[in-house]
Amino acid sequence: MAREKEGYRDALERVRSQAAGEMVTVDEAAKITLGAADRKEKDWVLRKFTGWTPGNHDKKIPATVLARQLC
């Protein structure tokens, strides 16, 4: 079993507390990771998570995936 990265649990709790649920929207991900949900930040999230959001702003990202990126 792979070891968790340092700070993963803290990042996961942060994502879960700031998002509406286990699935995070692009807007929520931009606000959690970059502090704002402007167009530039949303584009960054879409580039970073292309497998989860294939060009669609309405897609949702699992909280665990976002937490891995934060730690």
PDB file of N, CA and C in Angstrom:
ATOM      1  N   MET A   1       0.837  -1.174   0.000  1.00  0.00           N
ATOM      2  CA  MET A   1       0.000   0.000   0.000  1.00  0.00           C
ATOM      3  C   MET A   1       0.888   1.245   0.000  1.00  0.00           C
ATOM      4  N   ALA A   2       0.553   2.176  -0.858  1.00  0.00           N
ATOM      5  CA  ALA A   2       1.343   3.397  -0.971  1.00  0.00           C
ATOM      6  C   ALA A   2       1.104   4.306   0.233  1.00  0.00           C
ATOM      7  N   ARG A   3       2.153   4.979   0.622  1.00  0.00           N
ATOM      8  CA  ARG A   3       2.030   5.917   1.743  1.00  0.00           C
ATOM      9  C   ARG A   3       1.417   7.216   1.252  1.00  0.00           C
ATOM     10  N   GLU A   4       0.659   7.845   2.122  1.00  0.00           N
ATOM     11  CA  GLU A   4       0.067   9.138   1.794  1.00  0.00           C
ATOM     12  C   GLU A   4       1.141  10.214   1.846  1.00  0.00           C
ATOM     13  N   LYS A   5       0.992  11.201   0.993  1.00  0.00           N
ATOM     14  CA  LYS A   5       1.910  12.336   1.031  1.00  0.00           C
ATOM     15  C   LYS A   5       1.719  13.093   2.335  1.00  0.00           C
ATOM     16  N   GLU A   6       2.762  13.760   2.749  1.00  0.00           N
ATOM     17  CA  GLU A   6       2.697  14.602   3.944  1.00  0.00           C
ATOM     18  C   GLU A   6       1.664  15.703   3.723  1.00  0.00           C
ATOM     19  N   GLY A   7       0.745  15.838   4.634  1.00  0.00           N
ATOM     20  CA  GLY A   7      -0.263  16.880   4.547  1.00  0.00           C
ATOM     21  C   GLY A   7      -1.512  16.505   3.775  1.00  0.00           C
ATOM     22  N   TYR A   8      -1.588  15.258   3.284  1.00  0.00           N
ATOM     23  CA  TYR A   8      -2.751  14.842   2.492  1.00  0.00           C
ATOM     24  C   TYR A   8      -4.040  14.918   3.298  1.00  0.00           C
ATOM     25  N   ARG A   9      -4.015  14.415   4.520  1.00  0.00           N
ATOM     26  CA  ARG A   9      -5.232  14.427   5.353  1.00  0.00           C
ATOM     27  C   ARG A   9      -5.704  15.856   5.618  1.00  0.00           C
ATOM     28  N   ASP A  10      -4.760  16.748   5.897  1.00  0.00           N
ATOM     29  CA  ASP A  10      -5.122  18.152   6.121  1.00  0.00           C
ATOM     30  C   ASP A  10      -5.720  18.771   4.859  1.00  0.00           C
ATOM     31  N   ALA A  11      -5.121  18.469   3.717  1.00  0.00           N
ATOM     32  CA  ALA A  11      -5.634  18.995   2.451  1.00  0.00           C
ATOM     33  C   ALA A  11      -7.022  18.450   2.155  1.00  0.00           C
ATOM     34  N   LEU A  12      -7.234  17.173   2.435  1.00  0.00           N
ATOM     35  CA  LEU A  12      -8.541  16.565   2.194  1.00  0.00           C
ATOM     36  C   LEU A  12      -9.607  17.187   3.087  1.00  0.00           C
ATOM     37  N   GLU A  13      -9.285  17.417   4.344  1.00  0.00           N
ATOM     38  CA  GLU A  13     -10.235  18.064   5.251  1.00  0.00           C
ATOM     39  C   GLU A  13     -10.539  19.491   4.802  1.00  0.00           C
ATOM     40  N   ARG A  14      -9.514  20.181   4.320  1.00  0.00           N
ATOM     41  CA  ARG A  14      -9.713  21.544   3.816  1.00  0.00           C
ATOM     42  C   ARG A  14     -10.657  21.549   2.618  1.00  0.00           C
ATOM     43  N   VAL A  15     -10.454  20.625   1.694  1.00  0.00           N
ATOM     44  CA  VAL A  15     -11.314  20.537   0.509  1.00  0.00           C
ATOM     45  C   VAL A  15     -12.737  20.200   0.919  1.00  0.00           C
ATOM     46  N   ARG A  16     -12.885  19.214   1.780  1.00  0.00           N
ATOM     47  CA  ARG A  16     -14.227  18.794   2.201  1.00  0.00           C
ATOM     48  C   ARG A  16     -14.962  19.897   2.952  1.00  0.00           C
ATOM     49  N   SER A  17     -14.245  20.690   3.733  1.00  0.00           N
ATOM     50  CA  SER A  17     -14.911  21.746   4.500  1.00  0.00           C
ATOM     51  C   SER A  17     -15.304  22.934   3.626  1.00  0.00           C
ATOM     52  N   GLN A  18     -14.551  23.190   2.567  1.00  0.00           N
ATOM     53  CA  GLN A  18     -14.829  24.343   1.715  1.00  0.00           C
ATOM     54  C   GLN A  18     -15.717  24.019   0.521  1.00  0.00           C
ATOM     55  N   ALA A  19     -15.837  22.749   0.182  1.00  0.00           N
ATOM     56  CA  ALA A  19     -16.674  22.349  -0.950  1.00  0.00           C
ATOM     57  C   ALA A  19     -18.054  21.929  -0.453  1.00  0.00           C
ATOM     58  N   ALA A  20     -18.969  21.810  -1.386  1.00  0.00           N
ATOM     59  CA  ALA A  20     -20.345  21.443  -1.040  1.00  0.00           C
ATOM     60  C   ALA A  20     -20.498  19.948  -0.773  1.00  0.00           C
ATOM     61  N   GLY A  21     -19.507  19.157  -1.122  1.00  0.00           N
ATOM     62  CA  GLY A  21     -19.597  17.718  -0.901  1.00  0.00           C
ATOM     63  C   GLY A  21     -18.321  17.023  -1.331  1.00  0.00           C
ATOM     64  N   GLU A  22     -18.430  15.741  -1.629  1.00  0.00           N
ATOM     65  CA  GLU A  22     -17.264  14.956  -2.040  1.00  0.00           C
ATOM     66  C   GLU A  22     -16.828  15.278  -3.465  1.00  0.00           C
ATOM     67  N   MET A  23     -17.738  15.789  -4.264  1.00  0.00           N
ATOM     68  CA  MET A  23     -17.415  16.168  -5.636  1.00  0.00           C
ATOM     69  C   MET A  23     -17.329  17.693  -5.699  1.00  0.00           C
ATOM     70  N   VAL A  24     -16.224  18.187  -6.234  1.00  0.00           N
ATOM     71  CA  VAL A  24     -15.926  19.616  -6.237  1.00  0.00           C
ATOM     72  C   VAL A  24     -16.108  20.169  -7.652  1.00  0.00           C
ATOM     73  N   THR A  25     -16.827  21.278  -7.777  1.00  0.00           N
ATOM     74  CA  THR A  25     -16.987  21.912  -9.086  1.00  0.00           C
ATOM     75  C   THR A  25     -15.711  22.652  -9.462  1.00  0.00           C
ATOM     76  N   VAL A  26     -15.613  23.041 -10.727  1.00  0.00           N
ATOM     77  CA  VAL A  26     -14.450  23.793 -11.193  1.00  0.00           C
ATOM     78  C   VAL A  26     -14.339  25.116 -10.439  1.00  0.00           C
ATOM     79  N   ASP A  27     -15.474  25.787 -10.221  1.00  0.00           N
ATOM     80  CA  ASP A  27     -15.459  27.050  -9.474  1.00  0.00           C
ATOM     81  C   ASP A  27     -14.930  26.849  -8.057  1.00  0.00           C
ATOM     82  N   GLU A  28     -15.423  25.811  -7.377  1.00  0.00           N
ATOM     83  CA  GLU A  28     -14.969  25.535  -6.009  1.00  0.00           C
ATOM     84  C   GLU A  28     -13.492  25.174  -5.991  1.00  0.00           C
ATOM     85  N   ALA A  29     -13.050  24.381  -6.959  1.00  0.00           N
ATOM     86  CA  ALA A  29     -11.641  23.983  -7.019  1.00  0.00           C
ATOM     87  C   ALA A  29     -10.745  25.198  -7.220  1.00  0.00           C
ATOM     88  N   ALA A  30     -11.164  26.120  -8.075  1.00  0.00           N
ATOM     89  CA  ALA A  30     -10.374  27.334  -8.305  1.00  0.00           C
ATOM     90  C   ALA A  30     -10.289  28.171  -7.041  1.00  0.00           C
ATOM     91  N   LYS A  31     -11.397  28.278  -6.347  1.00  0.00           N
ATOM     92  CA  LYS A  31     -11.409  29.086  -5.121  1.00  0.00           C
ATOM     93  C   LYS A  31     -10.568  28.434  -4.019  1.00  0.00           C
ATOM     94  N   ILE A  32     -10.640  27.105  -3.891  1.00  0.00           N
ATOM     95  CA  ILE A  32      -9.882  26.397  -2.857  1.00  0.00           C
ATOM     96  C   ILE A  32      -8.387  26.437  -3.151  1.00  0.00           C
ATOM     97  N   THR A  33      -7.993  26.185  -4.396  1.00  0.00           N
ATOM     98  CA  THR A  33      -6.574  26.090  -4.717  1.00  0.00           C
ATOM     99  C   THR A  33      -5.904  27.439  -4.906  1.00  0.00           C
ATOM    100  N   LEU A  34      -6.603  28.382  -5.536  1.00  0.00           N
ATOM    101  CA  LEU A  34      -5.967  29.647  -5.896  1.00  0.00           C
ATOM    102  C   LEU A  34      -6.546  30.859  -5.188  1.00  0.00           C
ATOM    103  N   GLY A  35      -7.615  30.671  -4.435  1.00  0.00           N
ATOM    104  CA  GLY A  35      -8.183  31.767  -3.670  1.00  0.00           C
ATOM    105  C   GLY A  35      -9.183  32.632  -4.411  1.00  0.00           C
ATOM    106  N   ALA A  36      -9.395  32.371  -5.687  1.00  0.00           N
ATOM    107  CA  ALA A  36     -10.365  33.148  -6.463  1.00  0.00           C
ATOM    108  C   ALA A  36     -10.965  32.253  -7.536  1.00  0.00           C
ATOM    109  N   ALA A  37     -12.089  32.657  -8.063  1.00  0.00           N
ATOM    110  CA  ALA A  37     -12.752  31.865  -9.099  1.00  0.00           C
ATOM    111  C   ALA A  37     -12.927  32.691 -10.365  1.00  0.00           C
ATOM    112  N   ASP A  38     -11.900  33.456 -10.723  1.00  0.00           N
ATOM    113  CA  ASP A  38     -11.933  34.225 -11.960  1.00  0.00           C
ATOM    114  C   ASP A  38     -11.643  33.307 -13.146  1.00  0.00           C
ATOM    115  N   ARG A  39     -11.762  33.839 -14.330  1.00  0.00           N
ATOM    116  CA  ARG A  39     -11.564  33.043 -15.550  1.00  0.00           C
ATOM    117  C   ARG A  39     -10.166  32.426 -15.596  1.00  0.00           C
ATOM    118  N   LYS A  40      -9.152  33.186 -15.206  1.00  0.00           N
ATOM    119  CA  LYS A  40      -7.768  32.692 -15.236  1.00  0.00           C
ATOM    120  C   LYS A  40      -7.596  31.475 -14.324  1.00  0.00           C
ATOM    121  N   GLU A  41      -8.160  31.543 -13.139  1.00  0.00           N
ATOM    122  CA  GLU A  41      -8.050  30.441 -12.185  1.00  0.00           C
ATOM    123  C   GLU A  41      -8.834  29.220 -12.663  1.00  0.00           C
ATOM    124  N   LYS A  42     -10.012  29.445 -13.236  1.00  0.00           N
ATOM    125  CA  LYS A  42     -10.805  28.326 -13.761  1.00  0.00           C
ATOM    126  C   LYS A  42     -10.066  27.627 -14.893  1.00  0.00           C
ATOM    127  N   ASP A  43      -9.419  28.407 -15.761  1.00  0.00           N
ATOM    128  CA  ASP A  43      -8.647  27.814 -16.851  1.00  0.00           C
ATOM    129  C   ASP A  43      -7.499  26.970 -16.311  1.00  0.00           C
ATOM    130  N   TRP A  44      -6.853  27.436 -15.235  1.00  0.00           N
ATOM    131  CA  TRP A  44      -5.772  26.664 -14.620  1.00  0.00           C
ATOM    132  C   TRP A  44      -6.295  25.318 -14.133  1.00  0.00           C
ATOM    133  N   VAL A  45      -7.451  25.338 -13.464  1.00  0.00           N
ATOM    134  CA  VAL A  45      -8.046  24.099 -12.955  1.00  0.00           C
ATOM    135  C   VAL A  45      -8.380  23.168 -14.114  1.00  0.00           C
ATOM    136  N   LEU A  46      -8.945  23.696 -15.182  1.00  0.00           N
ATOM    137  CA  LEU A  46      -9.298  22.868 -16.330  1.00  0.00           C
ATOM    138  C   LEU A  46      -8.063  22.254 -16.979  1.00  0.00           C
ATOM    139  N   ARG A  47      -6.953  22.991 -17.030  1.00  0.00           N
ATOM    140  CA  ARG A  47      -5.710  22.435 -17.579  1.00  0.00           C
ATOM    141  C   ARG A  47      -5.132  21.366 -16.657  1.00  0.00           C
ATOM    142  N   LYS A  48      -5.182  21.615 -15.361  1.00  0.00           N
ATOM    143  CA  LYS A  48      -4.582  20.708 -14.384  1.00  0.00           C
ATOM    144  C   LYS A  48      -5.344  19.388 -14.272  1.00  0.00           C
ATOM    145  N   PHE A  49      -6.656  19.440 -14.446  1.00  0.00           N
ATOM    146  CA  PHE A  49      -7.499  18.265 -14.259  1.00  0.00           C
ATOM    147  C   PHE A  49      -8.187  17.872 -15.559  1.00  0.00           C
ATOM    148  N   THR A  50      -7.442  17.784 -16.641  1.00  0.00           N
ATOM    149  CA  THR A  50      -8.043  17.496 -17.943  1.00  0.00           C
ATOM    150  C   THR A  50      -8.741  16.145 -17.980  1.00  0.00           C
ATOM    151  N   GLY A  51      -8.269  15.185 -17.246  1.00  0.00           N
ATOM    152  CA  GLY A  51      -8.917  13.873 -17.232  1.00  0.00           C
ATOM    153  C   GLY A  51     -10.282  13.898 -16.573  1.00  0.00           C
ATOM    154  N   TRP A  52     -10.478  14.820 -15.647  1.00  0.00           N
ATOM    155  CA  TRP A  52     -11.750  14.904 -14.926  1.00  0.00           C
ATOM    156  C   TRP A  52     -12.692  15.910 -15.555  1.00  0.00           C
ATOM    157  N   THR A  53     -12.154  16.922 -16.217  1.00  0.00           N
ATOM    158  CA  THR A  53     -12.991  17.988 -16.776  1.00  0.00           C
ATOM    159  C   THR A  53     -12.665  18.179 -18.252  1.00  0.00           C
ATOM    160  N   PRO A  54     -13.079  17.277 -19.118  1.00  0.00           N
ATOM    161  CA  PRO A  54     -12.711  17.385 -20.539  1.00  0.00           C
ATOM    162  C   PRO A  54     -13.413  18.549 -21.238  1.00  0.00           C
ATOM    163  N   GLY A  55     -12.943  19.762 -20.976  1.00  0.00           N
ATOM    164  CA  GLY A  55     -13.476  20.944 -21.623  1.00  0.00           C
ATOM    165  C   GLY A  55     -14.848  21.376 -21.144  1.00  0.00           C
ATOM    166  N   ASN A  56     -15.320  20.804 -20.077  1.00  0.00           N
ATOM    167  CA  ASN A  56     -16.664  21.116 -19.609  1.00  0.00           C
ATOM    168  C   ASN A  56     -16.580  21.709 -18.209  1.00  0.00           C
ATOM    169  N   HIS A  57     -17.015  22.946 -18.067  1.00  0.00           N
ATOM    170  CA  HIS A  57     -16.947  23.635 -16.776  1.00  0.00           C
ATOM    171  C   HIS A  57     -17.930  23.071 -15.757  1.00  0.00           C
ATOM    172  N   ASP A  58     -18.894  22.286 -16.196  1.00  0.00           N
ATOM    173  CA  ASP A  58     -19.894  21.736 -15.278  1.00  0.00           C
ATOM    174  C   ASP A  58     -19.447  20.431 -14.635  1.00  0.00           C
ATOM    175  N   LYS A  59     -18.341  19.881 -15.064  1.00  0.00           N
ATOM    176  CA  LYS A  59     -17.859  18.620 -14.505  1.00  0.00           C
ATOM    177  C   LYS A  59     -17.404  18.818 -13.069  1.00  0.00           C
ATOM    178  N   LYS A  60     -17.349  17.719 -12.349  1.00  0.00           N
ATOM    179  CA  LYS A  60     -16.923  17.781 -10.948  1.00  0.00           C
ATOM    180  C   LYS A  60     -15.689  16.915 -10.745  1.00  0.00           C
ATOM    181  N   ILE A  61     -14.873  17.320  -9.793  1.00  0.00           N
ATOM    182  CA  ILE A  61     -13.619  16.649  -9.475  1.00  0.00           C
ATOM    183  C   ILE A  61     -13.772  16.013  -8.102  1.00  0.00           C
ATOM    184  N   PRO A  62     -13.376  14.749  -7.934  1.00  0.00           N
ATOM    185  CA  PRO A  62     -13.436  14.143  -6.604  1.00  0.00           C
ATOM    186  C   PRO A  62     -12.537  14.896  -5.619  1.00  0.00           C
ATOM    187  N   ALA A  63     -12.990  15.023  -4.394  1.00  0.00           N
ATOM    188  CA  ALA A  63     -12.241  15.745  -3.361  1.00  0.00           C
ATOM    189  C   ALA A  63     -10.869  15.119  -3.129  1.00  0.00           C
ATOM    190  N   THR A  64     -10.772  13.801  -3.242  1.00  0.00           N
ATOM    191  CA  THR A  64      -9.493  13.130  -3.013  1.00  0.00           C
ATOM    192  C   THR A  64      -8.466  13.510  -4.071  1.00  0.00           C
ATOM    193  N   VAL A  65      -8.899  13.674  -5.309  1.00  0.00           N
ATOM    194  CA  VAL A  65      -7.990  14.058  -6.392  1.00  0.00           C
ATOM    195  C   VAL A  65      -7.481  15.477  -6.170  1.00  0.00           C
ATOM    196  N   LEU A  66      -8.366  16.371  -5.795  1.00  0.00           N
ATOM    197  CA  LEU A  66      -7.968  17.752  -5.528  1.00  0.00           C
ATOM    198  C   LEU A  66      -7.014  17.828  -4.338  1.00  0.00           C
ATOM    199  N   ALA A  67      -7.274  17.047  -3.309  1.00  0.00           N
ATOM    200  CA  ALA A  67      -6.407  17.045  -2.125  1.00  0.00           C
ATOM    201  C   ALA A  67      -5.005  16.560  -2.471  1.00  0.00           C
ATOM    202  N   ARG A  68      -4.891  15.578  -3.365  1.00  0.00           N
ATOM    203  CA  ARG A  68      -3.568  15.099  -3.776  1.00  0.00           C
ATOM    204  C   ARG A  68      -2.778  16.200  -4.466  1.00  0.00           C
ATOM    205  N   GLN A  69      -3.467  17.051  -5.226  1.00  0.00           N
ATOM    206  CA  GLN A  69      -2.791  18.152  -5.902  1.00  0.00           C
ATOM    207  C   GLN A  69      -2.345  19.239  -4.926  1.00  0.00           C
ATOM    208  N   LEU A  70      -3.063  19.383  -3.829  1.00  0.00           N
ATOM    209  CA  LEU A  70      -2.743  20.436  -2.863  1.00  0.00           C
ATOM    210  C   LEU A  70      -1.560  20.094  -1.970  1.00  0.00           C
ATOM    211  N   CYS A  71      -1.318  18.821  -1.744  1.00  0.00           N
ATOM    212  CA  CYS A  71      -0.237  18.484  -0.803  1.00  0.00           C
ATOM    213  C   CYS A  71       1.076  18.219  -1.492  1.00  0.00           C
TER     214      CYS A  71
END
